[in-house]
N, C-alpha and C. Protein backbone atom coordinates (compact mmCIF):
# COMPACT_ATOMS: atom_id res chain seq x y z
N MET A 1 95.30 82.16 51.26
CA MET A 1 94.43 82.35 52.42
C MET A 1 95.10 83.36 53.36
N GLU A 2 94.50 84.53 53.50
CA GLU A 2 95.04 85.57 54.38
C GLU A 2 94.45 85.41 55.77
N ARG A 3 95.34 85.24 56.76
CA ARG A 3 94.91 85.07 58.16
C ARG A 3 95.36 86.26 58.97
N THR A 4 94.44 86.75 59.82
CA THR A 4 94.71 87.91 60.67
C THR A 4 94.12 87.65 62.06
N ILE A 5 94.85 88.09 63.08
CA ILE A 5 94.33 88.10 64.44
C ILE A 5 94.27 89.57 64.84
N ARG A 6 93.11 90.01 65.30
CA ARG A 6 92.95 91.42 65.68
C ARG A 6 92.04 91.53 66.89
N THR A 7 92.08 92.70 67.52
CA THR A 7 91.19 92.99 68.64
C THR A 7 89.76 93.08 68.12
N ALA A 8 88.84 92.48 68.86
CA ALA A 8 87.44 92.49 68.47
C ALA A 8 86.83 93.88 68.64
N HIS A 9 85.81 94.16 67.85
CA HIS A 9 85.02 95.38 68.00
C HIS A 9 83.54 95.00 68.01
N GLU A 10 82.69 95.96 68.29
CA GLU A 10 81.26 95.68 68.45
C GLU A 10 80.65 94.99 67.24
N GLY A 11 81.16 95.27 66.06
CA GLY A 11 80.64 94.65 64.85
C GLY A 11 80.90 93.16 64.78
N ASP A 12 81.74 92.65 65.67
CA ASP A 12 82.07 91.21 65.69
C ASP A 12 81.16 90.40 66.60
N ILE A 13 80.29 91.04 67.35
CA ILE A 13 79.51 90.33 68.38
C ILE A 13 78.68 89.20 67.79
N ASP A 14 77.97 89.43 66.70
CA ASP A 14 77.17 88.37 66.09
C ASP A 14 78.05 87.21 65.66
N CYS A 15 79.22 87.50 65.09
CA CYS A 15 80.15 86.45 64.67
C CYS A 15 80.64 85.64 65.87
N ILE A 16 80.92 86.31 66.97
CA ILE A 16 81.38 85.62 68.18
C ILE A 16 80.31 84.63 68.65
N PHE A 17 79.06 85.06 68.66
CA PHE A 17 77.99 84.15 69.09
C PHE A 17 77.78 83.02 68.08
N ASN A 18 77.92 83.32 66.80
CA ASN A 18 77.80 82.27 65.79
C ASN A 18 78.88 81.21 65.98
N ILE A 19 80.10 81.64 66.22
CA ILE A 19 81.21 80.70 66.45
C ILE A 19 80.94 79.88 67.70
N ARG A 20 80.58 80.56 68.78
CA ARG A 20 80.39 79.86 70.06
C ARG A 20 79.30 78.81 70.00
N THR A 21 78.27 79.06 69.21
CA THR A 21 77.17 78.09 69.11
C THR A 21 77.37 77.08 67.98
N SER A 22 78.48 77.18 67.26
CA SER A 22 78.76 76.27 66.14
C SER A 22 79.79 75.20 66.46
N VAL A 23 80.43 75.28 67.62
CA VAL A 23 81.52 74.35 67.92
C VAL A 23 81.00 72.95 68.20
N ARG A 24 81.87 71.97 67.99
CA ARG A 24 81.50 70.56 68.19
C ARG A 24 81.59 70.16 69.66
N GLU A 25 82.63 70.61 70.34
CA GLU A 25 82.81 70.28 71.76
C GLU A 25 82.44 71.49 72.60
N ASN A 26 81.96 71.21 73.81
CA ASN A 26 81.58 72.28 74.73
C ASN A 26 80.53 73.21 74.10
N HIS A 27 79.63 72.62 73.34
CA HIS A 27 78.59 73.39 72.66
C HIS A 27 77.61 73.97 73.68
N LEU A 28 77.26 75.22 73.48
CA LEU A 28 76.19 75.86 74.25
C LEU A 28 75.28 76.59 73.27
N SER A 29 73.99 76.54 73.52
CA SER A 29 73.04 77.28 72.71
C SER A 29 73.01 78.74 73.17
N LEU A 30 72.33 79.57 72.40
CA LEU A 30 72.18 80.97 72.81
C LEU A 30 71.47 81.06 74.15
N ASP A 31 70.44 80.25 74.35
CA ASP A 31 69.73 80.28 75.63
C ASP A 31 70.64 79.88 76.79
N GLN A 32 71.47 78.86 76.58
CA GLN A 32 72.39 78.43 77.63
C GLN A 32 73.42 79.51 77.93
N LEU A 33 73.89 80.20 76.91
CA LEU A 33 74.85 81.29 77.11
C LEU A 33 74.22 82.41 77.95
N VAL A 34 73.00 82.76 77.62
CA VAL A 34 72.29 83.81 78.37
C VAL A 34 72.14 83.39 79.83
N GLN A 35 71.84 82.12 80.08
CA GLN A 35 71.67 81.63 81.45
C GLN A 35 72.94 81.80 82.28
N ILE A 36 74.11 81.75 81.65
CA ILE A 36 75.36 81.93 82.39
C ILE A 36 75.90 83.36 82.29
N GLY A 37 75.08 84.26 81.74
CA GLY A 37 75.45 85.67 81.71
C GLY A 37 76.24 86.11 80.49
N VAL A 38 76.37 85.24 79.50
CA VAL A 38 77.08 85.61 78.28
C VAL A 38 76.04 86.09 77.27
N THR A 39 75.90 87.41 77.22
CA THR A 39 74.90 88.06 76.37
C THR A 39 75.61 89.04 75.44
N PRO A 40 74.94 89.47 74.39
CA PRO A 40 75.55 90.50 73.54
C PRO A 40 75.95 91.74 74.33
N ASP A 41 75.13 92.15 75.29
CA ASP A 41 75.48 93.32 76.10
C ASP A 41 76.73 93.07 76.94
N ALA A 42 76.87 91.86 77.48
CA ALA A 42 78.07 91.53 78.27
C ALA A 42 79.32 91.57 77.39
N ILE A 43 79.20 91.06 76.18
CA ILE A 43 80.35 91.08 75.25
C ILE A 43 80.66 92.52 74.84
N ARG A 44 79.62 93.30 74.58
CA ARG A 44 79.81 94.71 74.23
C ARG A 44 80.53 95.45 75.36
N ASP A 45 80.13 95.19 76.59
CA ASP A 45 80.78 95.82 77.74
C ASP A 45 82.24 95.40 77.84
N ALA A 46 82.52 94.11 77.62
CA ALA A 46 83.90 93.63 77.69
C ALA A 46 84.76 94.28 76.61
N ILE A 47 84.22 94.41 75.43
CA ILE A 47 84.96 95.05 74.33
C ILE A 47 85.24 96.51 74.65
N SER A 48 84.28 97.21 75.25
CA SER A 48 84.49 98.63 75.53
C SER A 48 85.39 98.86 76.75
N ASP A 49 85.42 97.90 77.69
CA ASP A 49 86.21 98.07 78.90
C ASP A 49 87.71 97.88 78.67
N ALA A 50 88.08 96.91 77.84
CA ALA A 50 89.50 96.59 77.67
C ALA A 50 89.67 95.76 76.40
N PRO A 51 90.88 95.73 75.87
CA PRO A 51 91.11 94.88 74.70
C PRO A 51 91.28 93.42 75.13
N CYS A 52 90.17 92.77 75.50
CA CYS A 52 90.25 91.43 76.08
C CYS A 52 89.62 90.35 75.21
N ILE A 53 89.20 90.71 74.00
CA ILE A 53 88.65 89.74 73.06
C ILE A 53 89.36 89.95 71.72
N TRP A 54 89.77 88.83 71.13
CA TRP A 54 90.46 88.85 69.84
C TRP A 54 89.73 87.94 68.89
N VAL A 55 89.74 88.30 67.60
CA VAL A 55 89.13 87.46 66.58
C VAL A 55 90.17 87.08 65.55
N ALA A 56 89.96 85.88 65.00
CA ALA A 56 90.76 85.42 63.87
C ALA A 56 89.92 85.63 62.62
N GLU A 57 90.55 86.14 61.59
CA GLU A 57 89.90 86.30 60.31
C GLU A 57 90.65 85.52 59.26
N VAL A 58 89.92 84.89 58.37
CA VAL A 58 90.49 84.24 57.20
C VAL A 58 89.83 84.88 55.99
N ASP A 59 90.64 85.54 55.18
CA ASP A 59 90.13 86.26 54.01
C ASP A 59 88.98 87.20 54.38
N GLY A 60 89.12 87.87 55.53
CA GLY A 60 88.15 88.86 55.96
C GLY A 60 86.93 88.33 56.69
N VAL A 61 86.85 87.00 56.87
CA VAL A 61 85.71 86.38 57.56
C VAL A 61 86.15 85.96 58.96
N VAL A 62 85.39 86.36 59.98
CA VAL A 62 85.71 86.00 61.36
C VAL A 62 85.46 84.51 61.54
N THR A 63 86.52 83.79 61.96
CA THR A 63 86.47 82.33 62.05
C THR A 63 86.76 81.79 63.45
N GLY A 64 87.16 82.66 64.38
CA GLY A 64 87.46 82.22 65.73
C GLY A 64 87.61 83.41 66.65
N PHE A 65 87.63 83.13 67.96
CA PHE A 65 87.84 84.20 68.92
C PHE A 65 88.42 83.64 70.21
N SER A 66 89.08 84.50 70.95
CA SER A 66 89.51 84.19 72.31
C SER A 66 89.13 85.36 73.19
N MET A 67 88.97 85.06 74.49
CA MET A 67 88.54 86.08 75.44
C MET A 67 89.25 85.83 76.76
N ALA A 68 89.74 86.89 77.37
CA ALA A 68 90.45 86.79 78.64
C ALA A 68 89.78 87.68 79.68
N ASP A 69 89.82 87.23 80.91
CA ASP A 69 89.32 88.01 82.04
C ASP A 69 90.52 88.49 82.83
N ARG A 70 90.89 89.76 82.64
CA ARG A 70 92.09 90.32 83.26
C ARG A 70 92.03 90.25 84.78
N GLU A 71 90.89 90.58 85.35
CA GLU A 71 90.77 90.60 86.80
C GLU A 71 90.99 89.21 87.42
N ASP A 72 90.41 88.19 86.79
CA ASP A 72 90.53 86.82 87.31
C ASP A 72 91.76 86.08 86.80
N ALA A 73 92.49 86.67 85.87
CA ALA A 73 93.70 86.07 85.30
C ALA A 73 93.40 84.78 84.54
N CYS A 74 92.23 84.73 83.87
CA CYS A 74 91.90 83.49 83.18
C CYS A 74 91.58 83.71 81.70
N VAL A 75 91.87 82.67 80.94
CA VAL A 75 91.40 82.61 79.56
C VAL A 75 89.97 82.10 79.67
N PHE A 76 89.04 82.94 79.31
CA PHE A 76 87.62 82.65 79.49
C PHE A 76 87.06 81.82 78.33
N ALA A 77 87.60 82.04 77.12
CA ALA A 77 87.09 81.33 75.95
C ALA A 77 88.12 81.34 74.83
N ALA A 78 88.10 80.26 74.06
CA ALA A 78 88.90 80.16 72.83
C ALA A 78 88.20 79.15 71.93
N PHE A 79 87.65 79.64 70.82
CA PHE A 79 86.88 78.79 69.93
C PHE A 79 87.15 79.14 68.47
N VAL A 80 87.12 78.12 67.62
CA VAL A 80 87.32 78.29 66.18
C VAL A 80 86.21 77.51 65.49
N LEU A 81 85.68 78.08 64.41
CA LEU A 81 84.68 77.35 63.63
C LEU A 81 85.24 75.99 63.22
N PRO A 82 84.44 74.95 63.29
CA PRO A 82 84.93 73.60 62.98
C PRO A 82 85.65 73.49 61.64
N GLU A 83 85.15 74.16 60.63
CA GLU A 83 85.78 74.05 59.30
C GLU A 83 87.12 74.76 59.20
N PHE A 84 87.51 75.52 60.24
CA PHE A 84 88.80 76.21 60.24
C PHE A 84 89.76 75.66 61.29
N GLU A 85 89.39 74.56 61.93
CA GLU A 85 90.28 73.93 62.90
C GLU A 85 91.51 73.37 62.17
N GLY A 86 92.63 73.33 62.88
CA GLY A 86 93.84 72.75 62.33
C GLY A 86 94.67 73.67 61.47
N HIS A 87 94.35 74.96 61.47
CA HIS A 87 95.09 75.93 60.66
C HIS A 87 95.93 76.88 61.51
N GLY A 88 96.05 76.61 62.82
CA GLY A 88 96.86 77.45 63.69
C GLY A 88 96.15 78.66 64.26
N LEU A 89 94.87 78.81 63.96
CA LEU A 89 94.14 79.98 64.45
C LEU A 89 93.95 79.92 65.96
N GLY A 90 93.63 78.76 66.50
CA GLY A 90 93.47 78.61 67.94
C GLY A 90 94.75 78.95 68.68
N ARG A 91 95.87 78.47 68.17
CA ARG A 91 97.17 78.77 68.77
C ARG A 91 97.42 80.27 68.77
N SER A 92 97.17 80.92 67.66
CA SER A 92 97.39 82.37 67.57
C SER A 92 96.47 83.15 68.50
N LEU A 93 95.21 82.71 68.59
CA LEU A 93 94.27 83.37 69.50
C LEU A 93 94.70 83.19 70.96
N MET A 94 95.18 82.00 71.29
CA MET A 94 95.66 81.76 72.66
C MET A 94 96.89 82.62 72.97
N GLU A 95 97.77 82.78 72.01
CA GLU A 95 98.96 83.63 72.22
C GLU A 95 98.54 85.04 72.59
N LYS A 96 97.52 85.57 71.93
CA LYS A 96 97.04 86.93 72.25
C LYS A 96 96.49 87.00 73.67
N ALA A 97 95.64 86.05 74.02
CA ALA A 97 95.04 86.04 75.36
C ALA A 97 96.11 85.88 76.43
N GLU A 98 97.05 84.96 76.21
CA GLU A 98 98.11 84.72 77.19
C GLU A 98 98.97 85.97 77.37
N ALA A 99 99.39 86.57 76.27
CA ALA A 99 100.24 87.76 76.36
C ALA A 99 99.54 88.88 77.13
N TYR A 100 98.27 89.05 76.86
CA TYR A 100 97.49 90.08 77.56
C TYR A 100 97.46 89.80 79.06
N LEU A 101 97.17 88.57 79.44
CA LEU A 101 97.09 88.23 80.86
C LEU A 101 98.45 88.31 81.53
N PHE A 102 99.50 87.90 80.83
CA PHE A 102 100.83 87.95 81.43
C PHE A 102 101.33 89.39 81.63
N GLU A 103 100.71 90.35 80.99
CA GLU A 103 101.04 91.76 81.27
C GLU A 103 100.61 92.14 82.68
N HIS A 104 99.67 91.38 83.25
CA HIS A 104 99.08 91.73 84.55
C HIS A 104 99.27 90.68 85.63
N HIS A 105 99.65 89.45 85.25
CA HIS A 105 99.73 88.35 86.21
C HIS A 105 100.93 87.46 85.92
N GLN A 106 101.48 86.86 86.97
CA GLN A 106 102.57 85.91 86.84
C GLN A 106 102.05 84.53 86.42
N THR A 107 100.89 84.15 86.95
CA THR A 107 100.29 82.85 86.64
C THR A 107 98.86 83.07 86.18
N ILE A 108 98.49 82.37 85.10
CA ILE A 108 97.15 82.48 84.55
C ILE A 108 96.52 81.09 84.52
N TRP A 109 95.21 81.04 84.33
CA TRP A 109 94.53 79.74 84.40
C TRP A 109 93.36 79.65 83.42
N LEU A 110 92.90 78.43 83.23
CA LEU A 110 91.69 78.15 82.46
C LEU A 110 91.16 76.80 82.91
N GLU A 111 89.92 76.51 82.54
CA GLU A 111 89.30 75.23 82.86
C GLU A 111 88.68 74.66 81.60
N THR A 112 88.74 73.33 81.48
CA THR A 112 88.11 72.63 80.37
C THR A 112 87.83 71.20 80.79
N ALA A 113 87.10 70.49 79.97
CA ALA A 113 86.83 69.08 80.25
C ALA A 113 88.11 68.26 80.03
N GLU A 114 88.42 67.41 80.98
CA GLU A 114 89.63 66.58 80.90
C GLU A 114 89.65 65.73 79.62
N GLU A 115 88.50 65.21 79.23
CA GLU A 115 88.43 64.31 78.08
C GLU A 115 88.24 65.02 76.74
N SER A 116 88.32 66.33 76.73
CA SER A 116 88.10 67.08 75.49
C SER A 116 89.38 67.18 74.66
N ARG A 117 89.20 67.46 73.40
CA ARG A 117 90.36 67.75 72.53
C ARG A 117 91.08 69.00 73.03
N ALA A 118 90.33 69.94 73.59
CA ALA A 118 90.93 71.17 74.10
C ALA A 118 91.97 70.88 75.17
N SER A 119 91.72 69.87 76.00
CA SER A 119 92.67 69.51 77.05
C SER A 119 94.04 69.18 76.45
N GLY A 120 94.06 68.39 75.41
CA GLY A 120 95.32 68.06 74.73
C GLY A 120 95.94 69.27 74.06
N PHE A 121 95.11 70.12 73.48
CA PHE A 121 95.58 71.34 72.84
C PHE A 121 96.29 72.24 73.84
N TYR A 122 95.68 72.44 75.01
CA TYR A 122 96.29 73.30 76.01
C TYR A 122 97.59 72.70 76.53
N ARG A 123 97.63 71.41 76.70
CA ARG A 123 98.88 70.75 77.13
C ARG A 123 100.00 71.01 76.12
N LYS A 124 99.68 70.93 74.84
CA LYS A 124 100.68 71.19 73.80
C LYS A 124 101.19 72.62 73.85
N LEU A 125 100.36 73.53 74.36
CA LEU A 125 100.75 74.94 74.47
C LEU A 125 101.48 75.24 75.78
N GLY A 126 101.74 74.19 76.57
CA GLY A 126 102.52 74.38 77.80
C GLY A 126 101.70 74.58 79.06
N TRP A 127 100.41 74.44 78.97
CA TRP A 127 99.56 74.55 80.16
C TRP A 127 99.69 73.28 80.98
N GLN A 128 99.70 73.44 82.31
CA GLN A 128 99.87 72.31 83.22
C GLN A 128 98.59 72.07 84.01
N PRO A 129 98.10 70.81 84.04
CA PRO A 129 96.93 70.52 84.88
C PRO A 129 97.32 70.61 86.35
N VAL A 130 96.50 71.31 87.13
CA VAL A 130 96.82 71.50 88.55
C VAL A 130 95.72 71.01 89.48
N GLU A 131 94.51 70.80 88.94
CA GLU A 131 93.41 70.37 89.81
C GLU A 131 92.32 69.72 88.97
N HIS A 132 91.87 68.56 89.43
CA HIS A 132 90.72 67.91 88.80
C HIS A 132 89.47 68.38 89.51
N LEU A 133 88.50 68.83 88.73
CA LEU A 133 87.29 69.45 89.25
C LEU A 133 86.09 68.54 89.06
N ALA A 134 84.98 68.97 89.57
CA ALA A 134 83.73 68.22 89.45
C ALA A 134 83.35 68.04 87.98
N GLN A 135 82.61 67.00 87.71
CA GLN A 135 82.04 66.73 86.39
C GLN A 135 83.09 66.56 85.30
N GLY A 136 84.29 66.09 85.67
CA GLY A 136 85.31 65.76 84.68
C GLY A 136 86.11 66.92 84.13
N ASP A 137 86.01 68.08 84.75
CA ASP A 137 86.79 69.23 84.31
C ASP A 137 88.16 69.25 84.97
N VAL A 138 89.07 70.00 84.39
CA VAL A 138 90.40 70.15 84.95
C VAL A 138 90.79 71.62 84.87
N ARG A 139 91.49 72.06 85.89
CA ARG A 139 92.02 73.43 85.91
C ARG A 139 93.47 73.36 85.45
N PHE A 140 93.81 74.19 84.48
CA PHE A 140 95.16 74.31 83.98
C PHE A 140 95.75 75.65 84.40
N GLU A 141 97.04 75.68 84.61
CA GLU A 141 97.73 76.94 84.88
C GLU A 141 98.95 77.05 83.98
N LYS A 142 99.37 78.26 83.76
CA LYS A 142 100.59 78.54 83.00
C LYS A 142 101.25 79.75 83.65
N SER A 143 102.55 79.68 83.83
CA SER A 143 103.28 80.77 84.47
C SER A 143 104.15 81.49 83.42
N ARG A 144 104.29 82.77 83.65
CA ARG A 144 105.12 83.59 82.79
C ARG A 144 106.57 83.17 82.97
N SER A 145 107.26 82.97 81.87
CA SER A 145 108.67 82.58 81.97
C SER A 145 109.54 83.83 82.08
N GLY A 146 110.62 83.68 82.81
CA GLY A 146 111.58 84.77 82.96
C GLY A 146 111.09 85.77 83.84
């Protein structure tokens, strides 16, 4: 099984939406994504503006992605197709997003549901909970070492 993490390109947009709408936790439909401004055009703009989206490939098939917002210093998204969970792809995608953000910021952040599997995943990666938010979400932060 050949695994690769690379910068996303426009040809990956359909795969990114397929992954995002296929996840078990924090599922959103295409309509829900559009309502919050996550559209193919928005992803296309993000890809053309900066290298802020990465995809994981297994044997040439896109199986996950991560996305960072450089201006806000946050990891905006990190998702892996359910059938590819547990293979280290999420960790590798997070490493790319974190490294990118740490080039520009000392402290970075993300938000997720406190009771989600993602919450435990981020803790294992060294993220620290700093604030409990409405509707059971938690804000995590991570600081650049050294």
